[in-house]
């Protein structure tokens, strides 16, 4: 899974956990999400600096209203 795709998916799960009082998460699914996050963070850390900067710029300047 690419970093940006994982970021979007995991952020959605985080928002569910933070804001949906009815959200239920199974331990096995959470474990998979943690493994994915750790893997993509390792991959992101080894990506070229220009790619990491481009992603950071996208995060800063994207339109948060559009979903």
N, C-alpha and C. Protein backbone atom coordinates (compact mmCIF):
# COMPACT_ATOMS: atom_id res chain seq x y z
N UNK A 1 0.85 -1.18 0.00
CA UNK A 1 0.00 0.00 0.00
C UNK A 1 0.90 1.23 0.00
N UNK A 2 0.58 2.18 -0.87
CA UNK A 2 1.35 3.42 -0.96
C UNK A 2 1.10 4.28 0.28
N UNK A 3 2.08 5.11 0.60
CA UNK A 3 2.00 5.93 1.80
C UNK A 3 0.74 6.81 1.80
N UNK A 4 0.49 7.50 0.70
CA UNK A 4 -0.66 8.42 0.65
C UNK A 4 -1.98 7.66 0.84
N UNK A 5 -2.09 6.50 0.22
CA UNK A 5 -3.31 5.69 0.37
C UNK A 5 -3.48 5.25 1.82
N UNK A 6 -2.39 4.79 2.41
CA UNK A 6 -2.45 4.35 3.81
C UNK A 6 -2.77 5.52 4.73
N UNK A 7 -2.19 6.68 4.44
CA UNK A 7 -2.45 7.86 5.24
C UNK A 7 -3.94 8.19 5.26
N UNK A 8 -4.55 8.21 4.10
CA UNK A 8 -5.98 8.53 4.00
C UNK A 8 -6.81 7.49 4.74
N UNK A 9 -6.51 6.21 4.51
CA UNK A 9 -7.29 5.14 5.16
C UNK A 9 -7.13 5.17 6.68
N UNK A 10 -5.89 5.30 7.14
CA UNK A 10 -5.66 5.28 8.58
C UNK A 10 -6.19 6.54 9.26
N UNK A 11 -6.14 7.67 8.56
CA UNK A 11 -6.71 8.90 9.12
C UNK A 11 -8.22 8.76 9.28
N UNK A 12 -8.87 8.12 8.33
CA UNK A 12 -10.32 7.89 8.44
C UNK A 12 -10.63 7.00 9.65
N UNK A 13 -9.82 5.97 9.85
CA UNK A 13 -10.01 5.10 11.03
C UNK A 13 -9.79 5.89 12.31
N UNK A 14 -8.79 6.74 12.32
CA UNK A 14 -8.50 7.56 13.50
C UNK A 14 -9.68 8.47 13.81
N UNK A 15 -10.24 9.10 12.76
CA UNK A 15 -11.39 9.98 12.98
C UNK A 15 -12.59 9.19 13.52
N UNK A 16 -12.78 7.98 13.02
CA UNK A 16 -13.86 7.14 13.55
C UNK A 16 -13.64 6.87 15.03
N UNK A 17 -12.40 6.51 15.37
CA UNK A 17 -12.08 6.18 16.76
C UNK A 17 -12.26 7.40 17.67
N UNK A 18 -11.91 8.57 17.16
CA UNK A 18 -11.98 9.79 17.97
C UNK A 18 -13.40 10.34 18.10
N UNK A 19 -14.19 10.24 17.04
CA UNK A 19 -15.44 11.00 17.00
C UNK A 19 -16.72 10.17 16.89
N UNK A 20 -16.62 8.88 16.62
CA UNK A 20 -17.81 8.05 16.49
C UNK A 20 -17.96 7.20 17.75
N UNK A 21 -18.88 7.57 18.63
CA UNK A 21 -19.01 6.82 19.88
C UNK A 21 -19.51 5.38 19.67
N UNK A 22 -20.02 5.09 18.48
CA UNK A 22 -20.53 3.75 18.20
C UNK A 22 -19.54 2.88 17.42
N UNK A 23 -18.38 3.44 17.11
CA UNK A 23 -17.38 2.69 16.35
C UNK A 23 -16.85 1.54 17.21
N UNK A 24 -16.72 0.40 16.59
CA UNK A 24 -16.20 -0.78 17.26
C UNK A 24 -15.03 -1.30 16.42
N UNK A 25 -13.94 -1.60 17.07
CA UNK A 25 -12.76 -2.10 16.37
C UNK A 25 -12.32 -3.41 16.99
N UNK A 26 -12.08 -4.38 16.13
CA UNK A 26 -11.59 -5.67 16.60
C UNK A 26 -10.08 -5.59 16.78
N UNK A 27 -9.58 -6.24 17.80
CA UNK A 27 -8.16 -6.21 18.10
C UNK A 27 -7.32 -6.66 16.91
N UNK A 28 -7.77 -7.68 16.21
CA UNK A 28 -7.01 -8.19 15.06
C UNK A 28 -6.93 -7.14 13.94
N UNK A 29 -8.01 -6.42 13.72
CA UNK A 29 -8.01 -5.37 12.69
C UNK A 29 -7.11 -4.21 13.08
N UNK A 30 -7.15 -3.85 14.35
CA UNK A 30 -6.29 -2.77 14.84
C UNK A 30 -4.82 -3.17 14.69
N UNK A 31 -4.52 -4.41 14.98
CA UNK A 31 -3.15 -4.91 14.84
C UNK A 31 -2.68 -4.79 13.39
N UNK A 32 -3.56 -5.12 12.45
CA UNK A 32 -3.22 -4.99 11.03
C UNK A 32 -2.97 -3.53 10.68
N UNK A 33 -3.82 -2.64 11.17
CA UNK A 33 -3.65 -1.20 10.89
C UNK A 33 -2.32 -0.69 11.46
N UNK A 34 -1.96 -1.15 12.63
CA UNK A 34 -0.67 -0.74 13.22
C UNK A 34 0.49 -1.25 12.37
N UNK A 35 0.40 -2.49 11.92
CA UNK A 35 1.45 -3.04 11.06
C UNK A 35 1.58 -2.25 9.77
N UNK A 36 0.44 -1.89 9.17
CA UNK A 36 0.46 -1.09 7.94
C UNK A 36 1.11 0.26 8.21
N UNK A 37 0.72 0.91 9.28
CA UNK A 37 1.27 2.23 9.61
C UNK A 37 2.78 2.15 9.80
N UNK A 38 3.25 1.14 10.51
CA UNK A 38 4.69 1.00 10.74
C UNK A 38 5.43 0.75 9.43
N UNK A 39 4.86 -0.08 8.57
CA UNK A 39 5.51 -0.40 7.29
C UNK A 39 5.58 0.82 6.39
N UNK A 40 4.47 1.53 6.25
CA UNK A 40 4.49 2.68 5.33
C UNK A 40 5.35 3.82 5.89
N UNK A 41 5.44 3.94 7.21
CA UNK A 41 6.34 4.95 7.78
C UNK A 41 7.81 4.61 7.50
N UNK A 42 8.15 3.34 7.57
CA UNK A 42 9.52 2.94 7.22
C UNK A 42 9.80 3.24 5.75
N UNK A 43 8.83 2.91 4.89
CA UNK A 43 9.00 3.19 3.45
C UNK A 43 9.08 4.69 3.19
N UNK A 44 8.26 5.46 3.88
CA UNK A 44 8.27 6.92 3.70
C UNK A 44 9.63 7.48 4.11
N UNK A 45 10.19 6.98 5.19
CA UNK A 45 11.47 7.48 5.68
C UNK A 45 12.60 7.25 4.67
N UNK A 46 12.45 6.23 3.84
CA UNK A 46 13.50 5.93 2.85
C UNK A 46 13.19 6.52 1.48
N UNK A 47 12.05 7.18 1.33
CA UNK A 47 11.69 7.81 0.05
C UNK A 47 12.59 9.02 -0.19
N UNK A 48 12.78 9.38 -1.44
CA UNK A 48 13.58 10.58 -1.74
C UNK A 48 12.99 11.83 -1.05
N UNK A 49 13.86 12.72 -0.64
CA UNK A 49 13.43 13.93 0.06
C UNK A 49 12.42 14.73 -0.76
N UNK A 50 12.60 14.79 -2.07
CA UNK A 50 11.66 15.57 -2.90
C UNK A 50 10.25 14.98 -2.83
N UNK A 51 10.14 13.66 -2.73
CA UNK A 51 8.83 13.03 -2.62
C UNK A 51 8.20 13.28 -1.26
N UNK A 52 9.01 13.23 -0.21
CA UNK A 52 8.49 13.53 1.13
C UNK A 52 8.04 14.98 1.22
N UNK A 53 8.80 15.89 0.63
CA UNK A 53 8.41 17.31 0.63
C UNK A 53 7.13 17.53 -0.18
N UNK A 54 7.00 16.84 -1.30
CA UNK A 54 5.79 16.97 -2.11
C UNK A 54 4.57 16.51 -1.32
N UNK A 55 4.70 15.42 -0.60
CA UNK A 55 3.57 14.92 0.19
C UNK A 55 3.24 15.90 1.31
N UNK A 56 4.25 16.41 1.99
CA UNK A 56 4.01 17.38 3.06
C UNK A 56 3.33 18.63 2.52
N UNK A 57 3.73 19.07 1.33
CA UNK A 57 3.09 20.23 0.71
C UNK A 57 1.63 19.93 0.40
N UNK A 58 1.36 18.74 -0.09
CA UNK A 58 -0.02 18.36 -0.39
C UNK A 58 -0.87 18.43 0.88
N UNK A 59 -0.32 17.93 1.98
CA UNK A 59 -1.05 17.97 3.25
C UNK A 59 -1.34 19.40 3.68
N UNK A 60 -0.36 20.27 3.53
CA UNK A 60 -0.51 21.66 3.98
C UNK A 60 -1.48 22.46 3.12
N UNK A 61 -1.47 22.22 1.81
CA UNK A 61 -2.20 23.10 0.90
C UNK A 61 -3.43 22.49 0.26
N UNK A 62 -3.80 21.28 0.63
CA UNK A 62 -5.01 20.69 0.07
C UNK A 62 -6.24 21.39 0.64
N UNK A 63 -7.34 21.24 -0.02
CA UNK A 63 -8.59 21.85 0.43
C UNK A 63 -9.26 20.90 1.41
N UNK A 64 -9.27 21.23 2.72
CA UNK A 64 -9.83 20.31 3.70
C UNK A 64 -11.36 20.20 3.62
N UNK A 65 -12.01 21.14 2.97
CA UNK A 65 -13.47 21.11 2.85
C UNK A 65 -13.90 20.04 1.86
N UNK A 66 -13.14 19.88 0.80
CA UNK A 66 -13.46 18.90 -0.24
C UNK A 66 -13.13 17.51 0.25
N UNK A 67 -14.08 16.61 0.21
CA UNK A 67 -13.85 15.24 0.66
C UNK A 67 -14.35 14.27 -0.35
